[in-house]
Amino acid sequence: MIYAFDTYYYPDYANTVCIAFEHWDSEQETEIFREKTDITSEYESGAFYKRELPCILSLLKKINLKENDLIIVDGYVTLDDDGKIGLGGYLYEALEKEIPVIGIAKNDFKSPDSQRRSICRGESKTPIFLTAKGIDVDFIQPKIEKMHGNFRIPTLLKKLDQLTRIDD
């Protein structure tokens, strides 16, 4: 199973959503997990993971991860060639390096990273950026390219972003 996570911040809480789907080219999710949590950390430039990682870890308690599962986060896993990691890297470490974590970011990170791949999907000339730990980015890149949808952001990842913004 592939589990994609995203969080949206309201003034007094965070809304974290996870969409589970079976195949890279799936058009529909198989399950949706949601959780509202207190914001435990203010936004800190360069340390985004401090704010979002607790939200993801809390929601993960509702999910029974298995050996062959994968996790996608909205953001970076690796940040540079010197070993600096982003949200996904911290998640990978929190999961004791047992579950591969894939990062798909919408904005470029300027530091050189030999593990970062730029992917232009559909007719878009603007790339999304792929990083990963626990799985080879060159193995994952064609799978991200073939995810359902004709636009820059794959269908299920766009839906995930929209679901985080629903305040119910």
N, C-alpha and C. Protein backbone atom coordinates (compact mmCIF):
# COMPACT_ATOMS: atom_id res chain seq x y z
N MET A 1 0.85 -1.17 0.00
CA MET A 1 0.00 0.00 0.00
C MET A 1 0.90 1.24 0.00
N ILE A 2 0.42 2.28 -0.62
CA ILE A 2 1.11 3.56 -0.65
C ILE A 2 0.28 4.53 0.19
N TYR A 3 0.93 5.19 1.14
CA TYR A 3 0.26 6.14 2.02
C TYR A 3 0.85 7.53 1.80
N ALA A 4 0.01 8.48 1.39
CA ALA A 4 0.46 9.85 1.15
C ALA A 4 -0.10 10.75 2.25
N PHE A 5 0.78 11.56 2.85
CA PHE A 5 0.42 12.43 3.98
C PHE A 5 0.59 13.90 3.63
N ASP A 6 -0.30 14.71 4.19
CA ASP A 6 -0.17 16.16 4.09
C ASP A 6 -0.87 16.77 5.30
N THR A 7 -0.42 17.96 5.68
CA THR A 7 -0.99 18.67 6.83
C THR A 7 -1.25 20.12 6.44
N TYR A 8 -2.37 20.63 6.90
CA TYR A 8 -2.71 22.04 6.71
C TYR A 8 -2.90 22.64 8.10
N TYR A 9 -2.41 23.86 8.28
CA TYR A 9 -2.43 24.50 9.59
C TYR A 9 -3.50 25.57 9.67
N TYR A 10 -4.37 25.41 10.65
CA TYR A 10 -5.36 26.41 11.01
C TYR A 10 -4.78 27.19 12.20
N PRO A 11 -5.41 28.29 12.61
CA PRO A 11 -4.82 29.06 13.72
C PRO A 11 -4.59 28.27 15.00
N ASP A 12 -5.48 27.34 15.33
CA ASP A 12 -5.34 26.65 16.61
C ASP A 12 -5.20 25.12 16.51
N TYR A 13 -5.10 24.59 15.32
CA TYR A 13 -4.87 23.15 15.18
C TYR A 13 -4.33 22.83 13.79
N ALA A 14 -3.85 21.59 13.67
CA ALA A 14 -3.35 21.08 12.39
C ALA A 14 -4.30 19.99 11.91
N ASN A 15 -4.59 19.97 10.62
CA ASN A 15 -5.44 18.95 10.02
C ASN A 15 -4.55 18.07 9.14
N THR A 16 -4.29 16.86 9.59
CA THR A 16 -3.45 15.93 8.85
C THR A 16 -4.32 14.88 8.20
N VAL A 17 -4.04 14.61 6.92
CA VAL A 17 -4.80 13.63 6.15
C VAL A 17 -3.82 12.68 5.49
N CYS A 18 -4.23 11.43 5.41
CA CYS A 18 -3.47 10.41 4.69
C CYS A 18 -4.42 9.72 3.71
N ILE A 19 -3.99 9.64 2.47
CA ILE A 19 -4.73 8.89 1.46
C ILE A 19 -3.93 7.61 1.18
N ALA A 20 -4.61 6.48 1.26
CA ALA A 20 -3.99 5.19 0.95
C ALA A 20 -4.46 4.73 -0.42
N PHE A 21 -3.52 4.25 -1.23
CA PHE A 21 -3.87 3.70 -2.54
C PHE A 21 -2.94 2.54 -2.86
N GLU A 22 -3.44 1.66 -3.74
CA GLU A 22 -2.75 0.40 -3.98
C GLU A 22 -1.68 0.45 -5.06
N HIS A 23 -1.92 1.22 -6.11
CA HIS A 23 -1.01 1.21 -7.26
C HIS A 23 -0.63 2.64 -7.64
N TRP A 24 0.54 2.79 -8.22
CA TRP A 24 1.01 4.12 -8.60
C TRP A 24 0.04 4.81 -9.56
N ASP A 25 -0.63 4.06 -10.40
CA ASP A 25 -1.53 4.69 -11.38
C ASP A 25 -2.99 4.70 -10.90
N SER A 26 -3.23 4.45 -9.61
CA SER A 26 -4.59 4.45 -9.07
C SER A 26 -5.23 5.83 -9.25
N GLU A 27 -6.50 5.80 -9.63
CA GLU A 27 -7.27 7.04 -9.77
C GLU A 27 -8.03 7.36 -8.49
N GLN A 28 -8.34 6.33 -7.71
CA GLN A 28 -9.10 6.48 -6.47
C GLN A 28 -8.30 5.90 -5.31
N GLU A 29 -8.50 6.49 -4.16
CA GLU A 29 -7.89 5.98 -2.94
C GLU A 29 -8.67 4.78 -2.44
N THR A 30 -8.05 3.96 -1.61
CA THR A 30 -8.75 2.84 -0.99
C THR A 30 -9.22 3.20 0.41
N GLU A 31 -8.57 4.20 1.02
CA GLU A 31 -8.96 4.61 2.36
C GLU A 31 -8.40 6.00 2.64
N ILE A 32 -9.11 6.74 3.51
CA ILE A 32 -8.66 8.06 3.94
C ILE A 32 -8.60 8.07 5.46
N PHE A 33 -7.51 8.57 5.99
CA PHE A 33 -7.33 8.73 7.43
C PHE A 33 -7.20 10.23 7.71
N ARG A 34 -7.82 10.68 8.82
CA ARG A 34 -7.77 12.11 9.16
C ARG A 34 -7.55 12.26 10.66
N GLU A 35 -6.92 13.38 10.99
CA GLU A 35 -6.76 13.68 12.42
C GLU A 35 -6.48 15.16 12.61
N LYS A 36 -7.15 15.73 13.58
CA LYS A 36 -6.86 17.10 14.00
C LYS A 36 -5.99 17.00 15.23
N THR A 37 -4.90 17.77 15.25
CA THR A 37 -4.00 17.75 16.40
C THR A 37 -3.68 19.19 16.81
N ASP A 38 -3.29 19.34 18.06
CA ASP A 38 -2.81 20.63 18.52
C ASP A 38 -1.49 20.94 17.82
N ILE A 39 -1.25 22.19 17.58
CA ILE A 39 0.04 22.60 17.00
C ILE A 39 1.04 22.65 18.14
N THR A 40 2.07 21.82 18.03
CA THR A 40 3.03 21.70 19.13
C THR A 40 4.26 22.57 18.93
N SER A 41 4.42 23.15 17.74
CA SER A 41 5.59 23.96 17.46
C SER A 41 5.22 25.04 16.44
N GLU A 42 5.71 26.23 16.66
CA GLU A 42 5.51 27.29 15.68
C GLU A 42 6.38 27.00 14.47
N TYR A 43 6.03 27.61 13.33
CA TYR A 43 6.84 27.44 12.12
C TYR A 43 8.23 28.00 12.40
N GLU A 44 9.24 27.21 12.05
CA GLU A 44 10.62 27.63 12.20
C GLU A 44 11.33 27.42 10.86
N SER A 45 11.78 28.50 10.27
CA SER A 45 12.46 28.40 8.97
C SER A 45 13.63 27.43 9.07
N GLY A 46 13.68 26.49 8.13
CA GLY A 46 14.75 25.50 8.11
C GLY A 46 14.51 24.30 9.01
N ALA A 47 13.40 24.32 9.75
CA ALA A 47 13.11 23.20 10.66
C ALA A 47 11.61 22.86 10.59
N PHE A 48 11.08 22.84 9.38
CA PHE A 48 9.67 22.55 9.14
C PHE A 48 9.26 21.23 9.78
N TYR A 49 10.16 20.26 9.80
CA TYR A 49 9.85 18.94 10.33
C TYR A 49 9.39 18.99 11.79
N LYS A 50 9.88 19.96 12.56
CA LYS A 50 9.51 20.05 13.97
C LYS A 50 8.01 20.28 14.14
N ARG A 51 7.42 20.94 13.16
CA ARG A 51 5.99 21.24 13.22
C ARG A 51 5.14 20.09 12.67
N GLU A 52 5.59 19.51 11.54
CA GLU A 52 4.74 18.54 10.85
C GLU A 52 4.97 17.10 11.27
N LEU A 53 6.17 16.74 11.65
CA LEU A 53 6.47 15.35 12.00
C LEU A 53 5.57 14.82 13.13
N PRO A 54 5.33 15.57 14.20
CA PRO A 54 4.44 15.04 15.24
C PRO A 54 3.02 14.75 14.73
N CYS A 55 2.55 15.55 13.78
CA CYS A 55 1.21 15.33 13.20
C CYS A 55 1.16 14.01 12.43
N ILE A 56 2.18 13.77 11.62
CA ILE A 56 2.23 12.54 10.82
C ILE A 56 2.37 11.32 11.74
N LEU A 57 3.26 11.41 12.71
CA LEU A 57 3.46 10.28 13.62
C LEU A 57 2.20 9.96 14.41
N SER A 58 1.46 10.97 14.78
CA SER A 58 0.20 10.75 15.50
C SER A 58 -0.81 10.02 14.62
N LEU A 59 -0.97 10.48 13.38
CA LEU A 59 -1.91 9.82 12.47
C LEU A 59 -1.46 8.41 12.11
N LEU A 60 -0.17 8.18 12.04
CA LEU A 60 0.35 6.85 11.73
C LEU A 60 -0.06 5.80 12.77
N LYS A 61 -0.40 6.24 13.97
CA LYS A 61 -0.85 5.30 15.01
C LYS A 61 -2.16 4.63 14.63
N LYS A 62 -2.90 5.21 13.69
CA LYS A 62 -4.17 4.65 13.23
C LYS A 62 -4.00 3.72 12.03
N ILE A 63 -2.76 3.59 11.56
CA ILE A 63 -2.49 2.82 10.33
C ILE A 63 -1.59 1.65 10.67
N ASN A 64 -1.95 0.48 10.17
CA ASN A 64 -1.15 -0.72 10.39
C ASN A 64 -0.19 -0.90 9.21
N LEU A 65 1.00 -0.30 9.31
CA LEU A 65 1.98 -0.40 8.22
C LEU A 65 2.51 -1.82 8.10
N LYS A 66 2.74 -2.23 6.87
CA LYS A 66 3.29 -3.55 6.59
C LYS A 66 4.65 -3.40 5.90
N GLU A 67 5.35 -4.49 5.78
CA GLU A 67 6.72 -4.50 5.28
C GLU A 67 6.90 -3.85 3.91
N ASN A 68 5.98 -4.06 2.98
CA ASN A 68 6.15 -3.55 1.62
C ASN A 68 5.46 -2.20 1.37
N ASP A 69 4.97 -1.56 2.42
CA ASP A 69 4.30 -0.28 2.26
C ASP A 69 5.31 0.83 1.98
N LEU A 70 4.80 1.91 1.43
CA LEU A 70 5.59 3.10 1.13
C LEU A 70 4.85 4.32 1.67
N ILE A 71 5.60 5.35 2.02
CA ILE A 71 5.01 6.60 2.49
C ILE A 71 5.48 7.73 1.59
N ILE A 72 4.53 8.61 1.24
CA ILE A 72 4.83 9.83 0.49
C ILE A 72 4.54 11.00 1.40
N VAL A 73 5.46 11.96 1.45
CA VAL A 73 5.22 13.20 2.18
C VAL A 73 5.28 14.37 1.20
N ASP A 74 4.59 15.43 1.57
CA ASP A 74 4.61 16.67 0.81
C ASP A 74 5.81 17.47 1.30
N GLY A 75 6.92 17.30 0.61
CA GLY A 75 8.16 17.96 1.00
C GLY A 75 9.36 17.13 0.62
N TYR A 76 10.46 17.42 1.23
CA TYR A 76 11.72 16.76 0.91
C TYR A 76 12.09 15.69 1.93
N VAL A 77 12.80 14.68 1.45
CA VAL A 77 13.38 13.65 2.31
C VAL A 77 14.85 14.00 2.53
N THR A 78 15.57 14.27 1.45
CA THR A 78 16.96 14.72 1.54
C THR A 78 17.02 16.16 1.04
N LEU A 79 18.00 16.92 1.56
CA LEU A 79 18.11 18.33 1.18
C LEU A 79 19.41 18.67 0.47
N ASP A 80 20.45 17.88 0.70
CA ASP A 80 21.72 18.19 0.03
C ASP A 80 22.63 16.96 0.04
N ASP A 81 23.78 17.11 -0.56
CA ASP A 81 24.74 16.02 -0.64
C ASP A 81 25.56 15.86 0.65
N ASP A 82 25.38 16.77 1.60
CA ASP A 82 26.13 16.69 2.85
C ASP A 82 25.37 15.94 3.94
N GLY A 83 24.21 15.37 3.59
CA GLY A 83 23.46 14.57 4.54
C GLY A 83 22.36 15.29 5.27
N LYS A 84 22.12 16.55 4.94
CA LYS A 84 21.02 17.28 5.58
C LYS A 84 19.70 16.67 5.10
N ILE A 85 18.79 16.46 6.04
CA ILE A 85 17.51 15.84 5.70
C ILE A 85 16.34 16.78 5.98
N GLY A 86 15.25 16.50 5.30
CA GLY A 86 14.02 17.25 5.49
C GLY A 86 13.00 16.41 6.24
N LEU A 87 11.77 16.85 6.19
CA LEU A 87 10.67 16.17 6.88
C LEU A 87 10.68 14.66 6.64
N GLY A 88 10.76 14.24 5.39
CA GLY A 88 10.73 12.82 5.06
C GLY A 88 11.90 12.04 5.63
N GLY A 89 13.06 12.67 5.71
CA GLY A 89 14.22 12.02 6.30
C GLY A 89 14.03 11.78 7.79
N TYR A 90 13.45 12.77 8.46
CA TYR A 90 13.17 12.61 9.89
C TYR A 90 12.10 11.55 10.12
N LEU A 91 11.12 11.50 9.24
CA LEU A 91 10.10 10.45 9.34
C LEU A 91 10.72 9.08 9.13
N TYR A 92 11.58 8.95 8.13
CA TYR A 92 12.27 7.68 7.86
C TYR A 92 13.04 7.21 9.10
N GLU A 93 13.73 8.14 9.75
CA GLU A 93 14.47 7.78 10.97
C GLU A 93 13.52 7.42 12.11
N ALA A 94 12.41 8.15 12.25
CA ALA A 94 11.43 7.85 13.31
C ALA A 94 10.81 6.47 13.12
N LEU A 95 10.74 6.02 11.87
CA LEU A 95 10.19 4.69 11.56
C LEU A 95 11.30 3.63 11.55
N GLU A 96 12.43 3.97 12.17
CA GLU A 96 13.57 3.08 12.32
C GLU A 96 14.08 2.54 10.99
N LYS A 97 13.95 3.36 9.94
CA LYS A 97 14.45 3.04 8.60
C LYS A 97 13.86 1.75 8.04
N GLU A 98 12.63 1.43 8.47
CA GLU A 98 11.97 0.19 8.03
C GLU A 98 10.99 0.40 6.88
N ILE A 99 10.46 1.61 6.73
CA ILE A 99 9.48 1.91 5.69
C ILE A 99 10.07 2.99 4.79
N PRO A 100 10.17 2.74 3.47
CA PRO A 100 10.69 3.78 2.56
C PRO A 100 9.81 5.03 2.59
N VAL A 101 10.46 6.18 2.55
CA VAL A 101 9.75 7.46 2.54
C VAL A 101 10.16 8.22 1.28
N ILE A 102 9.14 8.68 0.56
CA ILE A 102 9.31 9.40 -0.70
C ILE A 102 8.81 10.82 -0.49
N GLY A 103 9.60 11.78 -0.89
CA GLY A 103 9.19 13.17 -0.79
C GLY A 103 8.88 13.73 -2.16
N ILE A 104 7.74 14.39 -2.27
CA ILE A 104 7.38 15.09 -3.50
C ILE A 104 7.13 16.54 -3.11
N ALA A 105 8.01 17.41 -3.59
CA ALA A 105 7.94 18.83 -3.24
C ALA A 105 7.56 19.66 -4.46
N LYS A 106 6.85 20.74 -4.19
CA LYS A 106 6.41 21.63 -5.28
C LYS A 106 7.43 22.72 -5.57
N ASN A 107 8.27 23.05 -4.59
CA ASN A 107 9.25 24.12 -4.76
C ASN A 107 10.66 23.56 -4.70
N ASP A 108 11.52 24.13 -5.53
CA ASP A 108 12.91 23.69 -5.59
C ASP A 108 13.66 24.09 -4.33
N PHE A 109 14.62 23.26 -3.96
CA PHE A 109 15.53 23.56 -2.86
C PHE A 109 16.89 23.77 -3.49
N LYS A 110 17.53 24.86 -3.19
CA LYS A 110 18.70 25.30 -3.96
C LYS A 110 19.99 24.52 -3.74
N SER A 111 20.16 23.86 -2.60
CA SER A 111 21.40 23.13 -2.36
C SER A 111 21.51 21.93 -3.30
N PRO A 112 22.71 21.67 -3.82
CA PRO A 112 22.89 20.50 -4.69
C PRO A 112 22.58 19.20 -3.95
N ASP A 113 21.82 18.33 -4.60
CA ASP A 113 21.46 17.03 -4.02
C ASP A 113 21.43 16.02 -5.16
N SER A 114 22.39 15.14 -5.19
CA SER A 114 22.48 14.14 -6.27
C SER A 114 21.32 13.15 -6.22
N GLN A 115 20.57 13.14 -5.13
CA GLN A 115 19.42 12.23 -5.00
C GLN A 115 18.10 12.91 -5.34
N ARG A 116 18.12 14.17 -5.74
CA ARG A 116 16.90 14.90 -6.11
C ARG A 116 16.66 14.76 -7.61
N ARG A 117 15.41 14.48 -7.96
CA ARG A 117 15.02 14.39 -9.37
C ARG A 117 13.92 15.39 -9.65
N SER A 118 14.03 16.06 -10.78
CA SER A 118 12.98 16.97 -11.25
C SER A 118 12.09 16.21 -12.20
N ILE A 119 10.78 16.33 -12.02
CA ILE A 119 9.83 15.59 -12.85
C ILE A 119 8.82 16.57 -13.42
N CYS A 120 8.75 16.62 -14.75
CA CYS A 120 7.70 17.41 -15.41
C CYS A 120 6.63 16.43 -15.87
N ARG A 121 5.43 16.65 -15.38
CA ARG A 121 4.31 15.77 -15.70
C ARG A 121 3.35 16.50 -16.62
N GLY A 122 2.66 15.72 -17.45
CA GLY A 122 1.65 16.29 -18.34
C GLY A 122 2.24 17.35 -19.23
N GLU A 123 1.51 18.43 -19.40
CA GLU A 123 1.95 19.54 -20.25
C GLU A 123 2.75 20.58 -19.46
N SER A 124 2.89 20.37 -18.16
CA SER A 124 3.54 21.37 -17.31
C SER A 124 5.03 21.49 -17.62
N LYS A 125 5.49 22.71 -17.62
CA LYS A 125 6.93 23.00 -17.77
C LYS A 125 7.56 23.21 -16.39
N THR A 126 6.72 23.24 -15.36
CA THR A 126 7.19 23.43 -13.99
C THR A 126 7.30 22.06 -13.32
N PRO A 127 8.48 21.71 -12.84
CA PRO A 127 8.65 20.37 -12.26
C PRO A 127 8.14 20.25 -10.83
N ILE A 128 7.96 19.01 -10.42
CA ILE A 128 7.88 18.66 -9.01
C ILE A 128 9.22 18.00 -8.70
N PHE A 129 9.55 17.89 -7.42
CA PHE A 129 10.88 17.43 -7.04
C PHE A 129 10.77 16.19 -6.14
N LEU A 130 11.49 15.17 -6.52
CA LEU A 130 11.44 13.86 -5.88
C LEU A 130 12.72 13.60 -5.11
N THR A 131 12.57 13.16 -3.86
CA THR A 131 13.67 12.65 -3.05
C THR A 131 13.16 11.42 -2.30
N ALA A 132 14.06 10.59 -1.80
CA ALA A 132 13.62 9.38 -1.10
C ALA A 132 14.72 8.82 -0.21
N LYS A 133 14.30 8.05 0.78
CA LYS A 133 15.20 7.23 1.60
C LYS A 133 14.55 5.86 1.74
N GLY A 134 15.40 4.83 1.67
CA GLY A 134 14.90 3.47 1.80
C GLY A 134 14.49 2.86 0.49
N ILE A 135 14.55 3.64 -0.58
CA ILE A 135 14.22 3.17 -1.93
C ILE A 135 14.94 4.08 -2.92
N ASP A 136 15.34 3.52 -4.04
CA ASP A 136 16.11 4.26 -5.05
C ASP A 136 15.23 5.26 -5.79
N VAL A 137 15.66 6.53 -5.81
CA VAL A 137 14.87 7.56 -6.51
C VAL A 137 14.72 7.26 -8.00
N ASP A 138 15.72 6.61 -8.59
CA ASP A 138 15.63 6.29 -10.02
C ASP A 138 14.62 5.17 -10.28
N PHE A 139 14.35 4.36 -9.30
CA PHE A 139 13.30 3.34 -9.40
C PHE A 139 11.92 4.00 -9.26
N ILE A 140 11.82 4.99 -8.38
CA ILE A 140 10.55 5.65 -8.10
C ILE A 140 10.17 6.68 -9.17
N GLN A 141 11.15 7.33 -9.76
CA GLN A 141 10.85 8.42 -10.70
C GLN A 141 9.83 8.04 -11.78
N PRO A 142 9.99 6.93 -12.51
CA PRO A 142 8.99 6.62 -13.54
C PRO A 142 7.61 6.32 -12.95
N LYS A 143 7.57 5.87 -11.71
CA LYS A 143 6.28 5.61 -11.08
C LYS A 143 5.55 6.93 -10.78
N ILE A 144 6.29 7.93 -10.33
CA ILE A 144 5.70 9.25 -10.07
C ILE A 144 5.25 9.86 -11.41
N GLU A 145 6.06 9.69 -12.44
CA GLU A 145 5.71 10.23 -13.76
C GLU A 145 4.40 9.63 -14.27
N LYS A 146 4.13 8.37 -13.92
CA LYS A 146 2.95 7.67 -14.44
C LYS A 146 1.76 7.70 -13.49
N MET A 147 1.88 8.42 -12.37
CA MET A 147 0.73 8.52 -11.46
C MET A 147 -0.43 9.13 -12.22
N HIS A 148 -1.64 8.76 -11.80
CA HIS A 148 -2.84 9.21 -12.50
C HIS A 148 -2.93 10.74 -12.53
N GLY A 149 -3.36 11.25 -13.68
CA GLY A 149 -3.57 12.69 -13.84
C GLY A 149 -2.73 13.25 -14.96
N ASN A 150 -3.28 14.26 -15.61
CA ASN A 150 -2.60 14.87 -16.76
C ASN A 150 -1.86 16.15 -16.41
N PHE A 151 -1.81 16.47 -15.13
CA PHE A 151 -1.24 17.75 -14.73
C PHE A 151 0.01 17.56 -13.89
N ARG A 152 0.62 18.66 -13.52
CA ARG A 152 1.85 18.66 -12.74
C ARG A 152 1.72 17.82 -11.47
N ILE A 153 0.64 18.06 -10.73
CA ILE A 153 0.41 17.34 -9.48
C ILE A 153 -0.50 16.14 -9.75
N PRO A 154 -0.08 14.93 -9.40
CA PRO A 154 -0.93 13.75 -9.62
C PRO A 154 -2.30 13.90 -8.94
N THR A 155 -3.30 13.27 -9.51
CA THR A 155 -4.69 13.37 -9.05
C THR A 155 -4.84 13.14 -7.55
N LEU A 156 -4.30 12.05 -7.04
CA LEU A 156 -4.50 11.74 -5.61
C LEU A 156 -3.75 12.70 -4.70
N LEU A 157 -2.62 13.21 -5.13
CA LEU A 157 -1.89 14.17 -4.30
C LEU A 157 -2.60 15.52 -4.28
N LYS A 158 -3.23 15.88 -5.39
CA LYS A 158 -4.03 17.11 -5.42
C LYS A 158 -5.25 16.95 -4.50
N LYS A 159 -5.88 15.79 -4.57
CA LYS A 159 -7.03 15.52 -3.71
C LYS A 159 -6.61 15.58 -2.24
N LEU A 160 -5.47 15.01 -1.93
CA LEU A 160 -4.95 15.02 -0.56
C LEU A 160 -4.80 16.46 -0.07
N ASP A 161 -4.20 17.31 -0.87
CA ASP A 161 -4.03 18.71 -0.50
C ASP A 161 -5.39 19.37 -0.24
N GLN A 162 -6.36 19.10 -1.09
CA GLN A 162 -7.69 19.67 -0.93
C GLN A 162 -8.37 19.18 0.35
N LEU A 163 -8.21 17.91 0.67
CA LEU A 163 -8.83 17.34 1.87
C LEU A 163 -8.26 17.97 3.16
N THR A 164 -6.99 18.32 3.14
CA THR A 164 -6.40 18.92 4.36
C THR A 164 -7.01 20.29 4.64
N ARG A 165 -7.55 20.93 3.61
CA ARG A 165 -8.09 22.29 3.75
C ARG A 165 -9.57 22.32 4.09
N ILE A 166 -10.17 21.16 4.25
CA ILE A 166 -11.59 21.08 4.62
C ILE A 166 -11.67 21.07 6.14
N ASP A 167 -12.27 22.10 6.67
CA ASP A 167 -12.40 22.27 8.12
C ASP A 167 -13.77 21.75 8.55
N ASP A 168 -13.81 20.49 8.97
CA ASP A 168 -15.10 19.93 9.40
C ASP A 168 -15.09 19.43 10.80
